[in-house]
Amino acid sequence: MPLSGEAIRVMNLVDDVATTMRRMIVLIPALPPDERKRISDYLKQSEPGVEQVQAALANLK
């Protein structure tokens, strides 16, 4: 079954997020520990988080 245009767009968004995360992983070692902690806290507080997106995907059967 072919994917809809909307599904392809969402998959492209996932690719964009993965690219951003790879860039973050490269930059993180250059940050001092206090900045790493601050960014970690910021990431934890972001809404929605990946868990919420995964839950939304799992609940739409």
Protein backbone atom coordinates (compact mmCIF):
# COMPACT_ATOMS: atom_id res chain seq x y z
CA MET A 1 0.00 0.00 0.00
CA PRO A 2 1.57 3.32 -1.03
CA LEU A 3 2.05 6.06 1.56
CA SER A 4 -0.04 9.20 1.48
CA GLY A 5 1.59 12.54 0.88
CA GLU A 6 0.94 13.44 4.51
CA ALA A 7 2.74 10.31 5.76
CA ILE A 8 5.72 11.11 3.55
CA ARG A 9 5.79 14.68 4.91
CA VAL A 10 5.77 13.36 8.49
CA MET A 11 8.58 10.94 7.68
CA ASN A 12 10.57 13.85 6.25
CA LEU A 13 10.00 15.70 9.52
CA VAL A 14 11.37 12.69 11.41
CA ASP A 15 14.45 12.81 9.17
CA ASP A 16 14.85 16.52 9.96
CA VAL A 17 14.65 15.85 13.71
CA ALA A 18 17.20 13.03 13.42
CA THR A 19 19.57 15.34 11.54
CA THR A 20 19.17 17.97 14.25
CA MET A 21 19.87 15.39 16.96
CA ARG A 22 23.04 14.25 15.16
CA ARG A 23 24.22 17.86 15.03
CA MET A 24 23.50 18.25 18.73
CA ILE A 25 25.51 15.11 19.55
CA VAL A 26 28.50 16.55 17.68
CA LEU A 27 28.28 19.91 19.50
CA ILE A 28 27.56 18.66 23.03
CA PRO A 29 31.13 17.57 23.90
CA ALA A 30 32.32 21.15 23.35
CA LEU A 31 29.92 22.52 25.98
CA PRO A 32 30.85 23.01 29.61
CA PRO A 33 28.99 20.81 32.14
CA ASP A 34 26.73 23.62 33.39
CA GLU A 35 25.54 24.36 29.86
CA ARG A 36 24.98 20.65 29.17
CA LYS A 37 22.79 20.45 32.28
CA ARG A 38 20.83 23.52 31.26
CA ILE A 39 20.22 22.16 27.76
CA SER A 40 19.28 18.76 29.20
CA ASP A 41 16.67 20.39 31.44
CA TYR A 42 15.39 22.44 28.51
CA LEU A 43 15.06 19.33 26.36
CA LYS A 44 13.18 17.46 29.11
CA GLN A 45 10.68 20.34 29.36
CA SER A 46 10.01 20.60 25.64
CA GLU A 47 6.46 19.76 24.64
CA PRO A 48 5.56 17.50 23.06
CA GLY A 49 8.37 15.05 23.70
CA VAL A 50 9.20 12.03 21.63
CA GLU A 51 7.28 9.81 24.06
CA GLN A 52 4.09 11.78 23.41
CA VAL A 53 4.52 11.49 19.65
CA GLN A 54 5.15 7.74 19.91
CA ALA A 55 2.07 7.36 22.12
CA ALA A 56 -0.05 9.24 19.60
CA LEU A 57 1.17 6.92 16.84
CA ALA A 58 0.49 3.81 18.92
CA ASN A 59 -3.00 4.95 19.93
CA LEU A 60 -4.25 5.50 16.40
CA LYS A 61 -4.93 1.93 15.37
